[in-house]
PDB file of all heavy atoms in Angstrom:
ATOM      1  N   CYS A   1      71.854 153.551 188.178  1.00  0.00           N
ATOM      2  CA  CYS A   1      73.065 153.847 188.950  1.00  0.00           C
ATOM      3  C   CYS A   1      72.667 154.318 190.344  1.00  0.00           C
ATOM      4  O   CYS A   1      72.389 155.507 190.570  1.00  0.00           O
ATOM      5  CB  CYS A   1      73.915 154.901 188.247  1.00  0.00           C
ATOM      6  SG  CYS A   1      75.521 155.143 189.045  1.00  0.00           S
ATOM      7  N   VAL A   2      72.641 153.392 191.286  1.00  0.00           N
ATOM      8  CA  VAL A   2      72.192 153.674 192.647  1.00  0.00           C
ATOM      9  C   VAL A   2      73.073 154.742 193.298  1.00  0.00           C
ATOM     10  O   VAL A   2      72.574 155.653 193.977  1.00  0.00           O
ATOM     11  CB  VAL A   2      72.194 152.388 193.484  1.00  0.00           C
ATOM     12  CG1 VAL A   2      71.902 152.683 194.946  1.00  0.00           C
ATOM     13  CG2 VAL A   2      71.177 151.394 192.933  1.00  0.00           C
ATOM     14  N   TYR A   3      74.379 154.652 193.086  1.00  0.00           N
ATOM     15  CA  TYR A   3      75.297 155.586 193.737  1.00  0.00           C
ATOM     16  C   TYR A   3      75.073 157.009 193.232  1.00  0.00           C
ATOM     17  O   TYR A   3      74.880 157.933 194.037  1.00  0.00           O
ATOM     18  CB  TYR A   3      76.757 155.179 193.524  1.00  0.00           C
ATOM     19  CG  TYR A   3      77.717 156.099 194.239  1.00  0.00           C
ATOM     20  CD1 TYR A   3      78.082 155.853 195.556  1.00  0.00           C
ATOM     21  CD2 TYR A   3      78.213 157.233 193.612  1.00  0.00           C
ATOM     22  CE1 TYR A   3      78.940 156.717 196.235  1.00  0.00           C
ATOM     23  CE2 TYR A   3      79.066 158.108 194.281  1.00  0.00           C
ATOM     24  CZ  TYR A   3      79.421 157.847 195.588  1.00  0.00           C
ATOM     25  OH  TYR A   3      80.254 158.713 196.259  1.00  0.00           O
ATOM     26  N   CYS A   4      75.121 157.213 191.915  1.00  0.00           N
ATOM     27  CA  CYS A   4      74.937 158.564 191.364  1.00  0.00           C
ATOM     28  C   CYS A   4      73.577 159.131 191.752  1.00  0.00           C
ATOM     29  O   CYS A   4      73.453 160.319 192.056  1.00  0.00           O
ATOM     30  CB  CYS A   4      75.084 158.547 189.847  1.00  0.00           C
ATOM     31  SG  CYS A   4      76.771 158.293 189.261  1.00  0.00           S
ATOM     32  N   LEU A   5      72.561 158.283 191.736  1.00  0.00           N
ATOM     33  CA  LEU A   5      71.225 158.752 192.077  1.00  0.00           C
ATOM     34  C   LEU A   5      71.172 159.219 193.528  1.00  0.00           C
ATOM     35  O   LEU A   5      70.556 160.248 193.837  1.00  0.00           O
ATOM     36  CB  LEU A   5      70.204 157.641 191.826  1.00  0.00           C
ATOM     37  CG  LEU A   5      68.729 157.989 192.060  1.00  0.00           C
ATOM     38  CD1 LEU A   5      68.344 159.300 191.401  1.00  0.00           C
ATOM     39  CD2 LEU A   5      67.845 156.851 191.561  1.00  0.00           C
ATOM     40  N   SER A   6      71.834 158.499 194.430  1.00  0.00           N
ATOM     41  CA  SER A   6      71.821 158.917 195.833  1.00  0.00           C
ATOM     42  C   SER A   6      72.494 160.277 196.001  1.00  0.00           C
ATOM     43  O   SER A   6      71.991 161.153 196.717  1.00  0.00           O
ATOM     44  CB  SER A   6      72.511 157.866 196.711  1.00  0.00           C
ATOM     45  OG  SER A   6      73.913 157.835 196.498  1.00  0.00           O
ATOM     46  N   VAL A   7      73.619 160.469 195.325  1.00  0.00           N
ATOM     47  CA  VAL A   7      74.357 161.730 195.443  1.00  0.00           C
ATOM     48  C   VAL A   7      73.530 162.896 194.916  1.00  0.00           C
ATOM     49  O   VAL A   7      73.389 163.943 195.579  1.00  0.00           O
ATOM     50  CB  VAL A   7      75.692 161.647 194.676  1.00  0.00           C
ATOM     51  CG1 VAL A   7      76.359 163.017 194.600  1.00  0.00           C
ATOM     52  CG2 VAL A   7      76.627 160.642 195.337  1.00  0.00           C
ATOM     53  N   HIS A   8      72.954 162.735 193.745  1.00  0.00           N
ATOM     54  CA  HIS A   8      72.291 163.874 193.108  1.00  0.00           C
ATOM     55  C   HIS A   8      70.864 164.070 193.605  1.00  0.00           C
ATOM     56  O   HIS A   8      70.334 165.182 193.511  1.00  0.00           O
ATOM     57  CB  HIS A   8      72.418 163.753 191.596  1.00  0.00           C
ATOM     58  CG  HIS A   8      73.854 163.844 191.184  1.00  0.00           C
ATOM     59  ND1 HIS A   8      74.509 165.051 191.065  1.00  0.00           N
ATOM     60  CD2 HIS A   8      74.787 162.877 190.959  1.00  0.00           C
ATOM     61  CE1 HIS A   8      75.774 164.829 190.767  1.00  0.00           C
ATOM     62  NE2 HIS A   8      75.969 163.514 190.701  1.00  0.00           N
ATOM     63  N   ALA A   9      70.287 163.043 194.197  1.00  0.00           N
ATOM     64  CA  ALA A   9      69.036 163.236 194.932  1.00  0.00           C
ATOM     65  C   ALA A   9      69.278 164.136 196.143  1.00  0.00           C
ATOM     66  O   ALA A   9      68.493 165.054 196.429  1.00  0.00           O
ATOM     67  CB  ALA A   9      68.474 161.887 195.378  1.00  0.00           C
ATOM     68  N   GLN A  10      70.367 163.884 196.851  1.00  0.00           N
ATOM     69  CA  GLN A  10      70.711 164.727 198.001  1.00  0.00           C
ATOM     70  C   GLN A  10      70.963 166.166 197.564  1.00  0.00           C
ATOM     71  O   GLN A  10      70.501 167.112 198.214  1.00  0.00           O
ATOM     72  CB  GLN A  10      71.948 164.182 198.701  1.00  0.00           C
ATOM     73  CG  GLN A  10      71.732 162.918 199.493  1.00  0.00           C
ATOM     74  CD  GLN A  10      73.000 162.494 200.234  1.00  0.00           C
ATOM     75  OE1 GLN A  10      73.930 163.272 200.388  1.00  0.00           O
ATOM     76  NE2 GLN A  10      73.016 161.258 200.696  1.00  0.00           N
ATOM     77  N   ARG A  11      71.690 166.334 196.461  1.00  0.00           N
ATOM     78  CA  ARG A  11      72.012 167.689 196.017  1.00  0.00           C
ATOM     79  C   ARG A  11      70.768 168.444 195.573  1.00  0.00           C
ATOM     80  O   ARG A  11      70.634 169.647 195.828  1.00  0.00           O
ATOM     81  CB  ARG A  11      73.055 167.637 194.899  1.00  0.00           C
ATOM     82  CG  ARG A  11      74.414 167.193 195.400  1.00  0.00           C
ATOM     83  CD  ARG A  11      75.464 167.185 194.321  1.00  0.00           C
ATOM     84  NE  ARG A  11      76.740 166.711 194.846  1.00  0.00           N
ATOM     85  CZ  ARG A  11      77.807 166.446 194.102  1.00  0.00           C
ATOM     86  NH1 ARG A  11      77.741 166.590 192.780  1.00  0.00           N
ATOM     87  NH2 ARG A  11      78.923 166.019 194.649  1.00  0.00           N
ATOM     88  N   PHE A  12      69.836 167.741 194.905  1.00  0.00           N
ATOM     89  CA  PHE A  12      68.577 168.391 194.542  1.00  0.00           C
ATOM     90  C   PHE A  12      67.856 168.859 195.797  1.00  0.00           C
ATOM     91  O   PHE A  12      67.385 170.000 195.869  1.00  0.00           O
ATOM     92  CB  PHE A  12      67.677 167.442 193.751  1.00  0.00           C
ATOM     93  CG  PHE A  12      66.318 168.024 193.487  1.00  0.00           C
ATOM     94  CD1 PHE A  12      66.099 168.832 192.386  1.00  0.00           C
ATOM     95  CD2 PHE A  12      65.260 167.791 194.360  1.00  0.00           C
ATOM     96  CE1 PHE A  12      64.856 169.414 192.157  1.00  0.00           C
ATOM     97  CE2 PHE A  12      64.015 168.355 194.146  1.00  0.00           C
ATOM     98  CZ  PHE A  12      63.814 169.174 193.036  1.00  0.00           C
ATOM     99  N   GLU A  13      67.769 167.985 196.786  1.00  0.00           N
ATOM    100  CA  GLU A  13      67.048 168.342 198.008  1.00  0.00           C
ATOM    101  C   GLU A  13      67.710 169.517 198.717  1.00  0.00           C
ATOM    102  O   GLU A  13      67.037 170.416 199.228  1.00  0.00           O
ATOM    103  CB  GLU A  13      66.967 167.141 198.943  1.00  0.00           C
ATOM    104  CG  GLU A  13      66.187 167.432 200.223  1.00  0.00           C
ATOM    105  CD  GLU A  13      66.081 166.227 201.139  1.00  0.00           C
ATOM    106  OE1 GLU A  13      66.128 165.096 200.630  1.00  0.00           O
ATOM    107  OE2 GLU A  13      65.958 166.435 202.356  1.00  0.00           O
ATOM    108  N   GLN A  14      69.039 169.543 198.732  1.00  0.00           N
ATOM    109  CA  GLN A  14      69.746 170.648 199.374  1.00  0.00           C
ATOM    110  C   GLN A  14      69.446 171.978 198.690  1.00  0.00           C
ATOM    111  O   GLN A  14      69.300 173.011 199.343  1.00  0.00           O
ATOM    112  CB  GLN A  14      71.252 170.375 199.356  1.00  0.00           C
ATOM    113  CG  GLN A  14      71.690 169.242 200.267  1.00  0.00           C
ATOM    114  CD  GLN A  14      73.062 168.708 199.933  1.00  0.00           C
ATOM    115  OE1 GLN A  14      73.711 169.149 198.970  1.00  0.00           O
ATOM    116  NE2 GLN A  14      73.536 167.747 200.717  1.00  0.00           N
ATOM    117  N   LEU A  15      69.335 171.937 197.357  1.00  0.00           N
ATOM    118  CA  LEU A  15      69.107 173.161 196.590  1.00  0.00           C
ATOM    119  C   LEU A  15      67.633 173.558 196.563  1.00  0.00           C
ATOM    120  O   LEU A  15      67.303 174.739 196.676  1.00  0.00           O
ATOM    121  CB  LEU A  15      69.626 172.987 195.157  1.00  0.00           C
ATOM    122  CG  LEU A  15      71.142 172.861 195.015  1.00  0.00           C
ATOM    123  CD1 LEU A  15      71.501 172.277 193.659  1.00  0.00           C
ATOM    124  CD2 LEU A  15      71.806 174.222 195.202  1.00  0.00           C
ATOM    125  N   ALA A  16      66.752 172.573 196.398  1.00  0.00           N
ATOM    126  CA  ALA A  16      65.329 172.861 196.238  1.00  0.00           C
ATOM    127  C   ALA A  16      64.567 172.855 197.559  1.00  0.00           C
ATOM    128  O   ALA A  16      63.415 173.310 197.600  1.00  0.00           O
ATOM    129  CB  ALA A  16      64.705 171.848 195.272  1.00  0.00           C
ATOM    130  N   LYS A  17      65.176 172.316 198.611  1.00  0.00           N
ATOM    131  CA  LYS A  17      64.542 172.229 199.927  1.00  0.00           C
ATOM    132  C   LYS A  17      63.275 171.364 199.904  1.00  0.00           C
ATOM    133  O   LYS A  17      62.331 171.598 200.665  1.00  0.00           O
ATOM    134  CB  LYS A  17      64.191 173.634 200.465  1.00  0.00           C
ATOM    135  CG  LYS A  17      65.328 174.638 200.426  1.00  0.00           C
ATOM    136  CD  LYS A  17      66.546 174.140 201.174  1.00  0.00           C
ATOM    137  CE  LYS A  17      67.668 175.189 201.126  1.00  0.00           C
ATOM    138  NZ  LYS A  17      68.933 174.684 201.715  1.00  0.00           N
ATOM    139  N   ARG A  18      63.265 170.336 199.070  1.00  0.00           N
ATOM    140  CA  ARG A  18      62.144 169.397 199.012  1.00  0.00           C
ATOM    141  C   ARG A  18      62.613 168.114 198.338  1.00  0.00           C
ATOM    142  O   ARG A  18      63.649 168.110 197.655  1.00  0.00           O
ATOM    143  CB  ARG A  18      60.947 169.987 198.251  1.00  0.00           C
ATOM    144  CG  ARG A  18      61.250 170.391 196.812  1.00  0.00           C
ATOM    145  CD  ARG A  18      60.074 171.134 196.175  1.00  0.00           C
ATOM    146  NE  ARG A  18      60.384 171.579 194.843  1.00  0.00           N
ATOM    147  CZ  ARG A  18      60.237 170.835 193.737  1.00  0.00           C
ATOM    148  NH1 ARG A  18      59.756 169.597 193.847  1.00  0.00           N
ATOM    149  NH2 ARG A  18      60.543 171.316 192.554  1.00  0.00           N
ATOM    150  N   ASN A  19      61.856 167.038 198.538  1.00  0.00           N
ATOM    151  CA  ASN A  19      62.248 165.762 197.938  1.00  0.00           C
ATOM    152  C   ASN A  19      61.082 165.063 197.248  1.00  0.00           C
ATOM    153  O   ASN A  19      61.193 163.893 196.890  1.00  0.00           O
ATOM    154  CB  ASN A  19      62.860 164.839 198.994  1.00  0.00           C
ATOM    155  CG  ASN A  19      61.856 164.452 200.085  1.00  0.00           C
ATOM    156  OD1 ASN A  19      60.672 164.771 200.018  1.00  0.00           O
ATOM    157  ND2 ASN A  19      62.342 163.755 201.106  1.00  0.00           N
ATOM    158  N   ASP A  20      59.969 165.787 197.036  1.00  0.00           N
ATOM    159  CA  ASP A  20      58.792 165.132 196.465  1.00  0.00           C
ATOM    160  C   ASP A  20      59.056 164.544 195.091  1.00  0.00           C
ATOM    161  O   ASP A  20      58.719 163.384 194.815  1.00  0.00           O
ATOM    162  CB  ASP A  20      57.600 166.095 196.425  1.00  0.00           C
ATOM    163  CG  ASP A  20      57.950 167.477 195.884  1.00  0.00           C
ATOM    164  OD1 ASP A  20      59.109 167.693 195.472  1.00  0.00           O
ATOM    165  OD2 ASP A  20      57.053 168.352 195.905  1.00  0.00           O
ATOM    166  N   VAL A  21      59.712 165.305 194.215  1.00  0.00           N
ATOM    167  CA  VAL A  21      59.965 164.797 192.868  1.00  0.00           C
ATOM    168  C   VAL A  21      60.987 163.653 192.901  1.00  0.00           C
ATOM    169  O   VAL A  21      60.945 162.749 192.049  1.00  0.00           O
ATOM    170  CB  VAL A  21      60.417 165.931 191.926  1.00  0.00           C
ATOM    171  CG1 VAL A  21      61.781 166.477 192.325  1.00  0.00           C
ATOM    172  CG2 VAL A  21      60.451 165.445 190.477  1.00  0.00           C
ATOM    173  N   ILE A  22      61.875 163.658 193.879  1.00  0.00           N
ATOM    174  CA  ILE A  22      62.845 162.567 194.003  1.00  0.00           C
ATOM    175  C   ILE A  22      62.126 161.275 194.367  1.00  0.00           C
ATOM    176  O   ILE A  22      62.418 160.203 193.815  1.00  0.00           O
ATOM    177  CB  ILE A  22      63.929 162.914 195.036  1.00  0.00           C
ATOM    178  CG1 ILE A  22      64.722 164.149 194.598  1.00  0.00           C
ATOM    179  CG2 ILE A  22      64.847 161.731 195.261  1.00  0.00           C
ATOM    180  CD1 ILE A  22      65.440 163.998 193.263  1.00  0.00           C
ATOM    181  N   ALA A  23      61.172 161.362 195.287  1.00  0.00           N
ATOM    182  CA  ALA A  23      60.396 160.170 195.637  1.00  0.00           C
ATOM    183  C   ALA A  23      59.642 159.646 194.417  1.00  0.00           C
ATOM    184  O   ALA A  23      59.577 158.432 194.191  1.00  0.00           O
ATOM    185  CB  ALA A  23      59.416 160.492 196.762  1.00  0.00           C
ATOM    186  N   GLN A  24      59.090 160.548 193.632  1.00  0.00           N
ATOM    187  CA  GLN A  24      58.393 160.143 192.413  1.00  0.00           C
ATOM    188  C   GLN A  24      59.360 159.491 191.425  1.00  0.00           C
ATOM    189  O   GLN A  24      59.033 158.492 190.773  1.00  0.00           O
ATOM    190  CB  GLN A  24      57.728 161.354 191.772  1.00  0.00           C
ATOM    191  CG  GLN A  24      56.622 161.972 192.600  1.00  0.00           C
ATOM    192  CD  GLN A  24      56.183 163.317 192.072  1.00  0.00           C
ATOM    193  OE1 GLN A  24      56.665 163.777 191.041  1.00  0.00           O
ATOM    194  NE2 GLN A  24      55.268 163.963 192.773  1.00  0.00           N
ATOM    195  N   LEU A  25      60.562 160.064 191.320  1.00  0.00           N
ATOM    196  CA  LEU A  25      61.570 159.522 190.409  1.00  0.00           C
ATOM    197  C   LEU A  25      61.992 158.127 190.842  1.00  0.00           C
ATOM    198  O   LEU A  25      62.134 157.222 189.999  1.00  0.00           O
ATOM    199  CB  LEU A  25      62.769 160.465 190.378  1.00  0.00           C
ATOM    200  CG  LEU A  25      63.814 160.266 189.292  1.00  0.00           C
ATOM    201  CD1 LEU A  25      63.213 160.422 187.909  1.00  0.00           C
ATOM    202  CD2 LEU A  25      64.950 161.276 189.488  1.00  0.00           C
ATOM    203  N   PHE A  26      62.209 157.930 192.111  1.00  0.00           N
ATOM    204  CA  PHE A  26      62.538 156.597 192.614  1.00  0.00           C
ATOM    205  C   PHE A  26      61.427 155.603 192.266  1.00  0.00           C
ATOM    206  O   PHE A  26      61.687 154.460 191.897  1.00  0.00           O
ATOM    207  CB  PHE A  26      62.708 156.622 194.131  1.00  0.00           C
ATOM    208  CG  PHE A  26      63.993 157.225 194.630  1.00  0.00           C
ATOM    209  CD1 PHE A  26      64.893 157.856 193.785  1.00  0.00           C
ATOM    210  CD2 PHE A  26      64.305 157.176 195.988  1.00  0.00           C
ATOM    211  CE1 PHE A  26      66.061 158.418 194.268  1.00  0.00           C
ATOM    212  CE2 PHE A  26      65.477 157.729 196.477  1.00  0.00           C
ATOM    213  CZ  PHE A  26      66.356 158.353 195.610  1.00  0.00           C
ATOM    214  N   ALA A  27      60.176 156.055 192.400  1.00  0.00           N
ATOM    215  CA  ALA A  27      59.040 155.157 192.180  1.00  0.00           C
ATOM    216  C   ALA A  27      58.856 154.835 190.709  1.00  0.00           C
ATOM    217  O   ALA A  27      58.717 153.665 190.333  1.00  0.00           O
ATOM    218  CB  ALA A  27      57.771 155.783 192.754  1.00  0.00           C
ATOM    219  N   ASP A  28      58.861 155.857 189.842  1.00  0.00           N
ATOM    220  CA  ASP A  28      58.610 155.623 188.413  1.00  0.00           C
ATOM    221  C   ASP A  28      58.968 156.864 187.619  1.00  0.00           C
ATOM    222  O   ASP A  28      58.217 157.847 187.611  1.00  0.00           O
ATOM    223  CB  ASP A  28      57.138 155.277 188.174  1.00  0.00           C
ATOM    224  CG  ASP A  28      56.849 154.933 186.711  1.00  0.00           C
ATOM    225  OD1 ASP A  28      57.795 154.901 185.902  1.00  0.00           O
ATOM    226  OD2 ASP A  28      55.671 154.724 186.386  1.00  0.00           O
ATOM    227  N   PRO A  29      60.109 156.871 186.919  1.00  0.00           N
ATOM    228  CA  PRO A  29      60.494 158.063 186.152  1.00  0.00           C
ATOM    229  C   PRO A  29      59.519 158.415 185.041  1.00  0.00           C
ATOM    230  O   PRO A  29      59.457 159.569 184.611  1.00  0.00           O
ATOM    231  CB  PRO A  29      61.877 157.698 185.593  1.00  0.00           C
ATOM    232  CG  PRO A  29      61.965 156.218 185.681  1.00  0.00           C
ATOM    233  CD  PRO A  29      61.129 155.809 186.848  1.00  0.00           C
ATOM    234  N   ALA A  30      58.728 157.456 184.578  1.00  0.00           N
ATOM    235  CA  ALA A  30      57.788 157.723 183.484  1.00  0.00           C
ATOM    236  C   ALA A  30      56.707 158.715 183.881  1.00  0.00           C
ATOM    237  O   ALA A  30      56.137 159.393 183.019  1.00  0.00           O
ATOM    238  CB  ALA A  30      57.148 156.424 183.007  1.00  0.00           C
ATOM    239  N   THR A  31      56.411 158.817 185.180  1.00  0.00           N
ATOM    240  CA  THR A  31      55.352 159.715 185.637  1.00  0.00           C
ATOM    241  C   THR A  31      55.867 160.752 186.630  1.00  0.00           C
ATOM    242  O   THR A  31      55.069 161.495 187.209  1.00  0.00           O
ATOM    243  CB  THR A  31      54.209 158.920 186.291  1.00  0.00           C
ATOM    244  OG1 THR A  31      54.741 158.140 187.378  1.00  0.00           O
ATOM    245  CG2 THR A  31      53.552 157.990 185.290  1.00  0.00           C
ATOM    246  N   ALA A  32      57.163 160.842 186.838  1.00  0.00           N
ATOM    247  CA  ALA A  32      57.714 161.716 187.868  1.00  0.00           C
ATOM    248  C   ALA A  32      57.692 163.180 187.441  1.00  0.00           C
ATOM    249  O   ALA A  32      57.845 163.510 186.262  1.00  0.00           O
ATOM    250  CB  ALA A  32      59.140 161.299 188.201  1.00  0.00           C
ATOM    251  N   GLY A  33      57.534 164.053 188.431  1.00  0.00           N
ATOM    252  CA  GLY A  33      57.551 165.486 188.216  1.00  0.00           C
ATOM    253  C   GLY A  33      56.389 166.152 188.918  1.00  0.00           C
ATOM    254  O   GLY A  33      55.249 165.732 188.750  1.00  0.00           O
ATOM    255  N   THR A  34      56.670 167.198 189.689  1.00  0.00           N
ATOM    256  CA  THR A  34      55.599 167.874 190.419  1.00  0.00           C
ATOM    257  C   THR A  34      54.924 168.950 189.585  1.00  0.00           C
ATOM    258  O   THR A  34      53.926 169.528 190.023  1.00  0.00           O
ATOM    259  CB  THR A  34      56.143 168.524 191.705  1.00  0.00           C
ATOM    260  OG1 THR A  34      57.017 169.613 191.354  1.00  0.00           O
ATOM    261  CG2 THR A  34      56.880 167.507 192.557  1.00  0.00           C
ATOM    262  N   ASN A  35      55.462 169.244 188.410  1.00  0.00           N
ATOM    263  CA  ASN A  35      54.853 170.221 187.515  1.00  0.00           C
ATOM    264  C   ASN A  35      55.289 169.901 186.088  1.00  0.00           C
ATOM    265  O   ASN A  35      56.113 169.003 185.852  1.00  0.00           O
ATOM    266  CB  ASN A  35      55.244 171.657 187.910  1.00  0.00           C
ATOM    267  CG  ASN A  35      56.752 171.840 187.998  1.00  0.00           C
ATOM    268  OD1 ASN A  35      57.503 171.455 187.099  1.00  0.00           O
ATOM    269  ND2 ASN A  35      57.215 172.428 189.091  1.00  0.00           N
ATOM    270  N   ALA A  36      54.717 170.619 185.134  1.00  0.00           N
ATOM    271  CA  ALA A  36      54.991 170.326 183.725  1.00  0.00           C
ATOM    272  C   ALA A  36      56.471 170.499 183.387  1.00  0.00           C
ATOM    273  O   ALA A  36      57.031 169.751 182.584  1.00  0.00           O
ATOM    274  CB  ALA A  36      54.131 171.213 182.830  1.00  0.00           C
TER     275      ALA A  36
END
């Protein structure tokens, strides 16, 4: 769902002040996450 993902990627970034895990999620959810 491209639309929902765009909305909630923005909201994560607004709250967390970073987008590293979002970039990982876009690339491959199987390996995404900056920590355990």
